[in-house]
Amino acid sequence: MTVMDEWVTAACAELGLDPGEVPVPVVLDLARDVAHQVLRPGAPVTAYLLGVAVGRGADPAATAARLSELAGSWPVELDGTVPAE
């Protein structure tokens, strides 16, 4: 068992959730996409937004894919700013 597995299991126990329902690779891939293509602090916020959407009934994989696609199309200049419109 990895540290991630142990953490997810412990966090799920604390929150009364089933760790088998946590799509860890999906969340990590989404966080990576946002951190690298939008901005680093956006990764945990986006993971939270994914959780809110899933809590309201959205499919985790489909929602993460939509958000990853959005991150991939995000316009960012080399200096990290959003271009003026």
C-alpha atoms as a PDB file:
ATOM      1  CA  MET A   1       0.000   0.000   0.000  1.00  0.00           C
ATOM      2  CA  THR A   2       1.379   3.419  -0.927  1.00  0.00           C
ATOM      3  CA  VAL A   3       1.293   6.540   1.216  1.00  0.00           C
ATOM      4  CA  MET A   4      -1.399   7.890  -1.153  1.00  0.00           C
ATOM      5  CA  ASP A   5      -3.487   4.752  -0.596  1.00  0.00           C
ATOM      6  CA  GLU A   6      -3.045   5.064   3.160  1.00  0.00           C
ATOM      7  CA  TRP A   7      -3.962   8.767   3.087  1.00  0.00           C
ATOM      8  CA  VAL A   8      -7.057   8.241   0.941  1.00  0.00           C
ATOM      9  CA  THR A   9      -8.181   5.368   3.143  1.00  0.00           C
ATOM     10  CA  ALA A  10      -7.695   7.415   6.323  1.00  0.00           C
ATOM     11  CA  ALA A  11      -9.340  10.542   4.863  1.00  0.00           C
ATOM     12  CA  CYS A  12     -12.281   8.484   3.619  1.00  0.00           C
ATOM     13  CA  ALA A  13     -12.688   6.860   7.023  1.00  0.00           C
ATOM     14  CA  GLU A  14     -12.717  10.320   8.608  1.00  0.00           C
ATOM     15  CA  LEU A  15     -15.403  11.502   6.162  1.00  0.00           C
ATOM     16  CA  GLY A  16     -17.454   8.303   6.021  1.00  0.00           C
ATOM     17  CA  LEU A  17     -16.623   7.673   2.360  1.00  0.00           C
ATOM     18  CA  ASP A  18     -15.696   4.535   0.431  1.00  0.00           C
ATOM     19  CA  PRO A  19     -12.069   4.761  -0.749  1.00  0.00           C
ATOM     20  CA  GLY A  20     -12.945   2.492  -3.660  1.00  0.00           C
ATOM     21  CA  GLU A  21     -15.062   5.307  -5.067  1.00  0.00           C
ATOM     22  CA  VAL A  22     -12.176   7.803  -5.138  1.00  0.00           C
ATOM     23  CA  PRO A  23     -10.693   8.046  -8.655  1.00  0.00           C
ATOM     24  CA  VAL A  24      -7.222   9.069  -7.473  1.00  0.00           C
ATOM     25  CA  PRO A  25      -5.529   8.920 -10.924  1.00  0.00           C
ATOM     26  CA  VAL A  26      -8.300  11.050 -12.439  1.00  0.00           C
ATOM     27  CA  VAL A  27      -7.956  13.722  -9.748  1.00  0.00           C
ATOM     28  CA  LEU A  28      -4.149  13.713  -9.965  1.00  0.00           C
ATOM     29  CA  ASP A  29      -4.199  14.015 -13.761  1.00  0.00           C
ATOM     30  CA  LEU A  30      -6.627  16.924 -13.548  1.00  0.00           C
ATOM     31  CA  ALA A  31      -4.522  18.664 -10.904  1.00  0.00           C
ATOM     32  CA  ARG A  32      -1.410  18.203 -13.048  1.00  0.00           C
ATOM     33  CA  ASP A  33      -3.120  19.656 -16.118  1.00  0.00           C
ATOM     34  CA  VAL A  34      -4.352  22.724 -14.250  1.00  0.00           C
ATOM     35  CA  ALA A  35      -1.062  23.264 -12.398  1.00  0.00           C
ATOM     36  CA  HIS A  36       0.979  23.097 -15.602  1.00  0.00           C
ATOM     37  CA  GLN A  37      -1.364  24.798 -18.050  1.00  0.00           C
ATOM     38  CA  VAL A  38      -3.194  27.384 -15.954  1.00  0.00           C
ATOM     39  CA  LEU A  39      -1.515  28.014 -12.591  1.00  0.00           C
ATOM     40  CA  ARG A  40      -0.316  25.913  -9.676  1.00  0.00           C
ATOM     41  CA  PRO A  41      -2.736  27.245  -7.034  1.00  0.00           C
ATOM     42  CA  GLY A  42      -5.583  26.468  -9.415  1.00  0.00           C
ATOM     43  CA  ALA A  43      -4.975  22.727  -9.017  1.00  0.00           C
ATOM     44  CA  PRO A  44      -6.415  22.247  -5.510  1.00  0.00           C
ATOM     45  CA  VAL A  45      -9.245  24.690  -6.207  1.00  0.00           C
ATOM     46  CA  THR A  46     -10.138  22.777  -9.368  1.00  0.00           C
ATOM     47  CA  ALA A  47     -10.001  19.475  -7.474  1.00  0.00           C
ATOM     48  CA  TYR A  48     -12.450  20.986  -4.989  1.00  0.00           C
ATOM     49  CA  LEU A  49     -14.721  22.123  -7.823  1.00  0.00           C
ATOM     50  CA  LEU A  50     -14.602  18.610  -9.272  1.00  0.00           C
ATOM     51  CA  GLY A  51     -15.659  17.275  -5.867  1.00  0.00           C
ATOM     52  CA  VAL A  52     -18.558  19.705  -5.644  1.00  0.00           C
ATOM     53  CA  ALA A  53     -19.733  18.730  -9.135  1.00  0.00           C
ATOM     54  CA  VAL A  54     -19.429  15.014  -8.365  1.00  0.00           C
ATOM     55  CA  GLY A  55     -21.258  15.532  -5.080  1.00  0.00           C
ATOM     56  CA  ARG A  56     -24.087  17.012  -7.102  1.00  0.00           C
ATOM     57  CA  GLY A  57     -24.220  13.960  -9.350  1.00  0.00           C
ATOM     58  CA  ALA A  58     -21.695  14.620 -12.111  1.00  0.00           C
ATOM     59  CA  ASP A  59     -19.614  11.741 -13.482  1.00  0.00           C
ATOM     60  CA  PRO A  60     -16.062  12.071 -12.089  1.00  0.00           C
ATOM     61  CA  ALA A  61     -14.182  10.970 -15.217  1.00  0.00           C
ATOM     62  CA  ALA A  62     -16.296  12.978 -17.650  1.00  0.00           C
ATOM     63  CA  THR A  63     -16.168  16.101 -15.497  1.00  0.00           C
ATOM     64  CA  ALA A  64     -12.402  15.813 -15.015  1.00  0.00           C
ATOM     65  CA  ALA A  65     -11.972  15.381 -18.767  1.00  0.00           C
ATOM     66  CA  ARG A  66     -13.982  18.551 -19.426  1.00  0.00           C
ATOM     67  CA  LEU A  67     -11.910  20.507 -16.929  1.00  0.00           C
ATOM     68  CA  SER A  68      -8.637  19.108 -18.330  1.00  0.00           C
ATOM     69  CA  GLU A  69      -9.740  20.138 -21.808  1.00  0.00           C
ATOM     70  CA  LEU A  70     -10.534  23.624 -20.514  1.00  0.00           C
ATOM     71  CA  ALA A  71      -7.099  23.807 -18.880  1.00  0.00           C
ATOM     72  CA  GLY A  72      -5.456  22.676 -22.107  1.00  0.00           C
ATOM     73  CA  SER A  73      -7.098  25.470 -24.045  1.00  0.00           C
ATOM     74  CA  TRP A  74      -6.410  28.139 -21.411  1.00  0.00           C
ATOM     75  CA  PRO A  75      -4.596  31.123 -22.962  1.00  0.00           C
ATOM     76  CA  VAL A  76      -1.442  31.842 -21.000  1.00  0.00           C
ATOM     77  CA  GLU A  77       1.476  34.010 -22.038  1.00  0.00           C
ATOM     78  CA  LEU A  78       5.070  32.931 -21.414  1.00  0.00           C
ATOM     79  CA  ASP A  79       5.218  35.198 -18.354  1.00  0.00           C
ATOM     80  CA  GLY A  80       2.209  33.390 -16.853  1.00  0.00           C
ATOM     81  CA  THR A  81      -0.346  36.124 -17.459  1.00  0.00           C
ATOM     82  CA  VAL A  82      -3.576  35.850 -19.393  1.00  0.00           C
ATOM     83  CA  PRO A  83      -3.392  37.756 -22.683  1.00  0.00           C
ATOM     84  CA  ALA A  84      -5.420  40.970 -22.925  1.00  0.00           C
ATOM     85  CA  GLU A  85      -8.512  40.677 -25.057  1.00  0.00           C
END
